[in-house]
């Protein structure tokens, strides 16, 4: 399961922290709509590929962003209605529950702890502070392995709100569910080829048979 846009509505805090860091790149004129597309893809992909910035620009921006985000911005979130109960029910079932987020593991752990959800997860997979393991296929593989399972011997489903979640699942040949309450653009989940789409948490429950 993805975190931002799937479990938590974290966009207010993330946008504020992005805005405080953007002057380091002289990109403070970006709109909220443009910045929202930054949620999901790794920052490396966004800055180096989409905006043709340098590695030095990336390092400078990440340092500025983390200073404000880890200074409190990561706690500016709410849990989407119904997700806490769903997560608790999945954890009480025979299924393993793994977090697969592009957020640094340390930060994701703090967020889930603040939300009171950390004990429901069998493993937390994400990026490292040195930006290692940012692509979703690697994050998913790390999570399944960390839970003591094998992608070749498990029936798994990836739940997320962005194309990266869906494509990460396809990379490993596992199922995917795209949630519409997150930060995807119109048609994004369909174009990525999600196996199922959930309009709300109740529909997600039906898809997962929870």
C-alpha atoms as a PDB file:
ATOM      1  CA  UNK A   1       0.000   0.000   0.000  1.00  0.00           C
ATOM      2  CA  UNK A   2       1.197   3.476  -0.912  1.00  0.00           C
ATOM      3  CA  UNK A   3       1.172   6.258   1.701  1.00  0.00           C
ATOM      4  CA  UNK A   4       0.734   9.819   0.383  1.00  0.00           C
ATOM      5  CA  UNK A   5      -2.544  10.141  -1.492  1.00  0.00           C
ATOM      6  CA  UNK A   6      -3.626   6.633  -0.514  1.00  0.00           C
ATOM      7  CA  UNK A   7      -3.553   6.452   3.285  1.00  0.00           C
ATOM      8  CA  UNK A   8      -2.847  10.077   4.117  1.00  0.00           C
ATOM      9  CA  UNK A   9      -3.874  13.407   2.641  1.00  0.00           C
ATOM     10  CA  UNK A  10      -0.473  15.024   3.024  1.00  0.00           C
ATOM     11  CA  UNK A  11      -0.618  17.576   0.260  1.00  0.00           C
ATOM     12  CA  UNK A  12      -0.978  20.699   2.481  1.00  0.00           C
ATOM     13  CA  UNK A  13       2.288  20.013   4.301  1.00  0.00           C
ATOM     14  CA  UNK A  14       4.150  18.824   1.212  1.00  0.00           C
ATOM     15  CA  UNK A  15       3.113  21.851  -0.859  1.00  0.00           C
ATOM     16  CA  UNK A  16       4.145  24.248   1.916  1.00  0.00           C
ATOM     17  CA  UNK A  17       7.560  22.604   2.218  1.00  0.00           C
ATOM     18  CA  UNK A  18       8.061  22.491  -1.550  1.00  0.00           C
ATOM     19  CA  UNK A  19       7.260  26.190  -1.763  1.00  0.00           C
ATOM     20  CA  UNK A  20       9.789  27.026   0.936  1.00  0.00           C
ATOM     21  CA  UNK A  21      12.481  25.097  -0.936  1.00  0.00           C
ATOM     22  CA  UNK A  22      11.699  26.269  -4.496  1.00  0.00           C
ATOM     23  CA  UNK A  23      13.679  29.540  -4.237  1.00  0.00           C
ATOM     24  CA  UNK A  24      16.863  27.444  -4.158  1.00  0.00           C
ATOM     25  CA  UNK A  25      16.070  26.577  -7.799  1.00  0.00           C
ATOM     26  CA  UNK A  26      14.458  29.922  -8.705  1.00  0.00           C
ATOM     27  CA  UNK A  27      11.240  28.007  -9.460  1.00  0.00           C
ATOM     28  CA  UNK A  28       8.919  29.744  -6.990  1.00  0.00           C
ATOM     29  CA  UNK A  29       6.460  30.704  -9.747  1.00  0.00           C
ATOM     30  CA  UNK A  30       5.132  27.146 -10.132  1.00  0.00           C
ATOM     31  CA  UNK A  31       1.403  26.807  -9.442  1.00  0.00           C
ATOM     32  CA  UNK A  32      -0.135  24.432  -6.891  1.00  0.00           C
ATOM     33  CA  UNK A  33      -1.471  22.362  -9.800  1.00  0.00           C
ATOM     34  CA  UNK A  34       2.037  22.007 -11.237  1.00  0.00           C
ATOM     35  CA  UNK A  35       3.486  21.148  -7.845  1.00  0.00           C
ATOM     36  CA  UNK A  36       0.852  18.504  -7.222  1.00  0.00           C
ATOM     37  CA  UNK A  37       2.288  16.527 -10.154  1.00  0.00           C
ATOM     38  CA  UNK A  38       5.482  16.225  -8.085  1.00  0.00           C
ATOM     39  CA  UNK A  39       3.694  13.882  -5.661  1.00  0.00           C
ATOM     40  CA  UNK A  40       4.361  10.301  -6.658  1.00  0.00           C
ATOM     41  CA  UNK A  41       7.376  10.326  -9.008  1.00  0.00           C
ATOM     42  CA  UNK A  42      10.822  10.434  -7.372  1.00  0.00           C
ATOM     43  CA  UNK A  43      12.244  13.948  -7.072  1.00  0.00           C
ATOM     44  CA  UNK A  44      15.214  12.767  -9.117  1.00  0.00           C
ATOM     45  CA  UNK A  45      12.908  11.989 -12.038  1.00  0.00           C
ATOM     46  CA  UNK A  46      10.952  15.220 -11.644  1.00  0.00           C
ATOM     47  CA  UNK A  47      13.918  17.578 -11.462  1.00  0.00           C
ATOM     48  CA  UNK A  48      16.506  15.859 -13.649  1.00  0.00           C
ATOM     49  CA  UNK A  49      14.240  14.517 -16.391  1.00  0.00           C
ATOM     50  CA  UNK A  50      11.210  16.804 -16.472  1.00  0.00           C
ATOM     51  CA  UNK A  51      12.976  20.066 -15.682  1.00  0.00           C
ATOM     52  CA  UNK A  52      16.494  19.210 -16.905  1.00  0.00           C
ATOM     53  CA  UNK A  53      18.114  20.315 -13.652  1.00  0.00           C
ATOM     54  CA  UNK A  54      21.539  19.122 -12.513  1.00  0.00           C
ATOM     55  CA  UNK A  55      22.581  16.730  -9.747  1.00  0.00           C
ATOM     56  CA  UNK A  56      23.821  19.775  -7.828  1.00  0.00           C
ATOM     57  CA  UNK A  57      20.379  21.390  -8.155  1.00  0.00           C
ATOM     58  CA  UNK A  58      18.762  18.187  -6.899  1.00  0.00           C
ATOM     59  CA  UNK A  59      21.046  17.973  -3.862  1.00  0.00           C
ATOM     60  CA  UNK A  60      20.510  21.638  -3.000  1.00  0.00           C
ATOM     61  CA  UNK A  61      16.743  21.374  -3.295  1.00  0.00           C
ATOM     62  CA  UNK A  62      16.516  18.135  -1.296  1.00  0.00           C
ATOM     63  CA  UNK A  63      18.512  19.670   1.564  1.00  0.00           C
ATOM     64  CA  UNK A  64      16.266  22.751   1.658  1.00  0.00           C
ATOM     65  CA  UNK A  65      13.072  20.687   1.398  1.00  0.00           C
ATOM     66  CA  UNK A  66      14.063  18.235   4.106  1.00  0.00           C
ATOM     67  CA  UNK A  67      14.982  21.040   6.486  1.00  0.00           C
ATOM     68  CA  UNK A  68      11.360  22.213   6.589  1.00  0.00           C
ATOM     69  CA  UNK A  69       9.660  18.856   5.966  1.00  0.00           C
ATOM     70  CA  UNK A  70      11.505  16.965   8.685  1.00  0.00           C
ATOM     71  CA  UNK A  71      11.150  20.051  10.875  1.00  0.00           C
ATOM     72  CA  UNK A  72       7.410  19.474  11.179  1.00  0.00           C
ATOM     73  CA  UNK A  73       5.917  19.508   7.701  1.00  0.00           C
ATOM     74  CA  UNK A  74       5.664  15.718   7.571  1.00  0.00           C
ATOM     75  CA  UNK A  75       3.057  15.858  10.335  1.00  0.00           C
ATOM     76  CA  UNK A  76       0.725  18.128   8.360  1.00  0.00           C
ATOM     77  CA  UNK A  77      -1.573  15.350   7.194  1.00  0.00           C
ATOM     78  CA  UNK A  78      -4.892  13.662   7.834  1.00  0.00           C
ATOM     79  CA  UNK A  79      -5.826  10.019   7.308  1.00  0.00           C
ATOM     80  CA  UNK A  80      -8.409   9.595   4.572  1.00  0.00           C
ATOM     81  CA  UNK A  81     -11.807   8.630   6.021  1.00  0.00           C
ATOM     82  CA  UNK A  82     -12.189   4.881   6.411  1.00  0.00           C
ATOM     83  CA  UNK A  83      -8.553   4.006   5.758  1.00  0.00           C
ATOM     84  CA  UNK A  84      -7.573   3.458   9.407  1.00  0.00           C
ATOM     85  CA  UNK A  85     -10.354   0.916   9.870  1.00  0.00           C
ATOM     86  CA  UNK A  86      -9.529  -0.829   6.586  1.00  0.00           C
ATOM     87  CA  UNK A  87      -5.849  -1.071   7.498  1.00  0.00           C
ATOM     88  CA  UNK A  88      -6.737  -2.528  10.903  1.00  0.00           C
ATOM     89  CA  UNK A  89      -8.995  -5.113   9.276  1.00  0.00           C
ATOM     90  CA  UNK A  90      -6.338  -6.141   6.746  1.00  0.00           C
ATOM     91  CA  UNK A  91      -3.823  -6.481   9.570  1.00  0.00           C
ATOM     92  CA  UNK A  92      -6.258  -8.709  11.477  1.00  0.00           C
ATOM     93  CA  UNK A  93      -6.603 -11.005   8.459  1.00  0.00           C
ATOM     94  CA  UNK A  94      -4.167 -13.638   7.235  1.00  0.00           C
ATOM     95  CA  UNK A  95      -2.679 -11.204   4.724  1.00  0.00           C
ATOM     96  CA  UNK A  96       0.621  -9.423   5.223  1.00  0.00           C
ATOM     97  CA  UNK A  97       0.445  -5.634   4.956  1.00  0.00           C
ATOM     98  CA  UNK A  98       3.453  -3.791   3.550  1.00  0.00           C
ATOM     99  CA  UNK A  99       3.941  -0.071   3.010  1.00  0.00           C
ATOM    100  CA  UNK A 100       5.527   0.788  -0.350  1.00  0.00           C
ATOM    101  CA  UNK A 101       6.192   4.529  -0.514  1.00  0.00           C
ATOM    102  CA  UNK A 102       8.615   6.845  -2.288  1.00  0.00           C
ATOM    103  CA  UNK A 103       8.935   8.690   1.028  1.00  0.00           C
ATOM    104  CA  UNK A 104      12.086   8.023   3.112  1.00  0.00           C
ATOM    105  CA  UNK A 105      11.543   5.066   5.439  1.00  0.00           C
ATOM    106  CA  UNK A 106      12.363   7.113   8.550  1.00  0.00           C
ATOM    107  CA  UNK A 107       9.753   9.732   7.656  1.00  0.00           C
ATOM    108  CA  UNK A 108       7.103   7.168   6.687  1.00  0.00           C
ATOM    109  CA  UNK A 109       7.635   5.410  10.002  1.00  0.00           C
ATOM    110  CA  UNK A 110       7.138   8.654  11.912  1.00  0.00           C
ATOM    111  CA  UNK A 111       3.976   9.479   9.922  1.00  0.00           C
ATOM    112  CA  UNK A 112       2.418   6.061  10.524  1.00  0.00           C
ATOM    113  CA  UNK A 113       3.365   6.259  14.181  1.00  0.00           C
ATOM    114  CA  UNK A 114       1.698   9.675  14.518  1.00  0.00           C
ATOM    115  CA  UNK A 115      -1.381   8.258  12.734  1.00  0.00           C
ATOM    116  CA  UNK A 116      -1.504   5.302  15.134  1.00  0.00           C
ATOM    117  CA  UNK A 117      -1.147   2.818  12.278  1.00  0.00           C
ATOM    118  CA  UNK A 118       2.456   1.644  12.504  1.00  0.00           C
ATOM    119  CA  UNK A 119       1.673  -1.585  14.389  1.00  0.00           C
ATOM    120  CA  UNK A 120      -0.611  -2.786  11.581  1.00  0.00           C
ATOM    121  CA  UNK A 121       2.225  -3.060   9.050  1.00  0.00           C
ATOM    122  CA  UNK A 122       4.476  -6.075   8.651  1.00  0.00           C
ATOM    123  CA  UNK A 123       7.174  -4.024   6.938  1.00  0.00           C
ATOM    124  CA  UNK A 124       7.856  -0.426   5.890  1.00  0.00           C
ATOM    125  CA  UNK A 125       9.534  -0.044   2.501  1.00  0.00           C
ATOM    126  CA  UNK A 126      10.582   3.272   1.033  1.00  0.00           C
ATOM    127  CA  UNK A 127      13.605   5.256  -0.025  1.00  0.00           C
ATOM    128  CA  UNK A 128      16.815   5.848   1.888  1.00  0.00           C
ATOM    129  CA  UNK A 129      17.991   9.325   2.838  1.00  0.00           C
ATOM    130  CA  UNK A 130      20.726   9.063   0.186  1.00  0.00           C
ATOM    131  CA  UNK A 131      17.914   8.735  -2.436  1.00  0.00           C
ATOM    132  CA  UNK A 132      18.734   5.062  -3.015  1.00  0.00           C
ATOM    133  CA  UNK A 133      15.851   2.817  -4.081  1.00  0.00           C
ATOM    134  CA  UNK A 134      13.454   5.481  -5.370  1.00  0.00           C
ATOM    135  CA  UNK A 135      11.786   3.557  -8.187  1.00  0.00           C
ATOM    136  CA  UNK A 136       8.534   1.762  -7.281  1.00  0.00           C
ATOM    137  CA  UNK A 137       9.543  -1.695  -8.554  1.00  0.00           C
ATOM    138  CA  UNK A 138      12.541  -1.675  -6.202  1.00  0.00           C
ATOM    139  CA  UNK A 139      10.432  -0.360  -3.321  1.00  0.00           C
ATOM    140  CA  UNK A 140       7.823  -3.091  -3.829  1.00  0.00           C
ATOM    141  CA  UNK A 141      10.465  -5.819  -4.054  1.00  0.00           C
ATOM    142  CA  UNK A 142      12.186  -4.529  -0.914  1.00  0.00           C
ATOM    143  CA  UNK A 143       8.869  -4.521   0.943  1.00  0.00           C
ATOM    144  CA  UNK A 144       7.828  -8.036  -0.004  1.00  0.00           C
ATOM    145  CA  UNK A 145      11.282  -9.379   0.832  1.00  0.00           C
ATOM    146  CA  UNK A 146      11.287  -7.466   4.121  1.00  0.00           C
ATOM    147  CA  UNK A 147       8.021  -9.145   5.072  1.00  0.00           C
ATOM    148  CA  UNK A 148       9.720 -12.495   4.634  1.00  0.00           C
ATOM    149  CA  UNK A 149       7.944 -13.312   1.378  1.00  0.00           C
ATOM    150  CA  UNK A 150       8.917 -13.840  -2.266  1.00  0.00           C
ATOM    151  CA  UNK A 151       7.316 -12.137  -5.249  1.00  0.00           C
ATOM    152  CA  UNK A 152       7.503 -15.417  -7.138  1.00  0.00           C
ATOM    153  CA  UNK A 153       5.552 -17.287  -4.444  1.00  0.00           C
ATOM    154  CA  UNK A 154       2.980 -14.789  -3.264  1.00  0.00           C
ATOM    155  CA  UNK A 155      -0.383 -13.458  -4.413  1.00  0.00           C
ATOM    156  CA  UNK A 156      -0.077  -9.703  -3.978  1.00  0.00           C
ATOM    157  CA  UNK A 157      -1.876  -6.488  -4.850  1.00  0.00           C
ATOM    158  CA  UNK A 158      -0.425  -2.974  -4.945  1.00  0.00           C
ATOM    159  CA  UNK A 159      -2.785  -0.208  -3.815  1.00  0.00           C
ATOM    160  CA  UNK A 160      -1.913   3.357  -4.784  1.00  0.00           C
ATOM    161  CA  UNK A 161      -3.029   6.632  -6.313  1.00  0.00           C
ATOM    162  CA  UNK A 162      -0.393   7.278  -9.002  1.00  0.00           C
ATOM    163  CA  UNK A 163       0.808   5.639 -12.219  1.00  0.00           C
ATOM    164  CA  UNK A 164       4.087   4.686 -10.518  1.00  0.00           C
ATOM    165  CA  UNK A 165       2.157   2.377  -8.179  1.00  0.00           C
ATOM    166  CA  UNK A 166       0.382   0.676 -11.071  1.00  0.00           C
ATOM    167  CA  UNK A 167       3.488   0.343 -13.246  1.00  0.00           C
ATOM    168  CA  UNK A 168       5.475  -0.936 -10.268  1.00  0.00           C
ATOM    169  CA  UNK A 169       2.924  -3.710  -9.818  1.00  0.00           C
ATOM    170  CA  UNK A 170       2.999  -4.544 -13.527  1.00  0.00           C
ATOM    171  CA  UNK A 171       6.783  -4.784 -13.410  1.00  0.00           C
ATOM    172  CA  UNK A 172       6.451  -7.669 -10.957  1.00  0.00           C
ATOM    173  CA  UNK A 173       3.354  -9.214 -12.521  1.00  0.00           C
ATOM    174  CA  UNK A 174       1.131  -8.559  -9.513  1.00  0.00           C
ATOM    175  CA  UNK A 175      -2.330  -7.008  -9.360  1.00  0.00           C
ATOM    176  CA  UNK A 176      -2.987  -3.326  -8.770  1.00  0.00           C
ATOM    177  CA  UNK A 177      -5.821  -1.167  -7.488  1.00  0.00           C
ATOM    178  CA  UNK A 178      -5.842   2.552  -8.218  1.00  0.00           C
ATOM    179  CA  UNK A 179      -7.598   4.776  -5.688  1.00  0.00           C
ATOM    180  CA  UNK A 180      -9.320   7.852  -7.037  1.00  0.00           C
ATOM    181  CA  UNK A 181      -9.216   9.987  -3.881  1.00  0.00           C
ATOM    182  CA  UNK A 182      -5.490  10.640  -4.229  1.00  0.00           C
ATOM    183  CA  UNK A 183      -3.358  12.885  -6.422  1.00  0.00           C
ATOM    184  CA  UNK A 184      -3.585  11.268  -9.860  1.00  0.00           C
ATOM    185  CA  UNK A 185      -4.419  13.314 -12.922  1.00  0.00           C
ATOM    186  CA  UNK A 186      -7.523  12.576 -15.003  1.00  0.00           C
ATOM    187  CA  UNK A 187      -7.089   9.288 -16.862  1.00  0.00           C
ATOM    188  CA  UNK A 188      -3.709   8.567 -15.285  1.00  0.00           C
ATOM    189  CA  UNK A 189      -4.680   5.337 -13.526  1.00  0.00           C
ATOM    190  CA  UNK A 190      -6.596   4.054 -16.545  1.00  0.00           C
ATOM    191  CA  UNK A 191      -3.695   4.812 -18.892  1.00  0.00           C
ATOM    192  CA  UNK A 192      -1.292   3.010 -16.546  1.00  0.00           C
ATOM    193  CA  UNK A 193      -3.497  -0.072 -16.750  1.00  0.00           C
ATOM    194  CA  UNK A 194      -4.793  -0.472 -13.185  1.00  0.00           C
ATOM    195  CA  UNK A 195      -6.527  -3.836 -12.751  1.00  0.00           C
ATOM    196  CA  UNK A 196      -9.256  -2.192 -10.677  1.00  0.00           C
ATOM    197  CA  UNK A 197     -10.259   1.323  -9.610  1.00  0.00           C
ATOM    198  CA  UNK A 198     -11.819   2.330  -6.297  1.00  0.00           C
ATOM    199  CA  UNK A 199     -13.894   5.490  -6.018  1.00  0.00           C
ATOM    200  CA  UNK A 200     -13.980   5.301  -2.215  1.00  0.00           C
ATOM    201  CA  UNK A 201     -12.819   3.125   0.665  1.00  0.00           C
ATOM    202  CA  UNK A 202     -15.994   1.047   0.685  1.00  0.00           C
ATOM    203  CA  UNK A 203     -15.379   0.111  -2.949  1.00  0.00           C
ATOM    204  CA  UNK A 204     -11.756  -0.710  -2.098  1.00  0.00           C
ATOM    205  CA  UNK A 205     -13.025  -3.028   0.634  1.00  0.00           C
ATOM    206  CA  UNK A 206     -15.238  -4.815  -1.872  1.00  0.00           C
ATOM    207  CA  UNK A 207     -12.371  -5.205  -4.334  1.00  0.00           C
ATOM    208  CA  UNK A 208     -10.114  -6.628  -1.625  1.00  0.00           C
ATOM    209  CA  UNK A 209     -12.911  -8.693  -0.031  1.00  0.00           C
ATOM    210  CA  UNK A 210     -12.081  -7.244   3.381  1.00  0.00           C
END
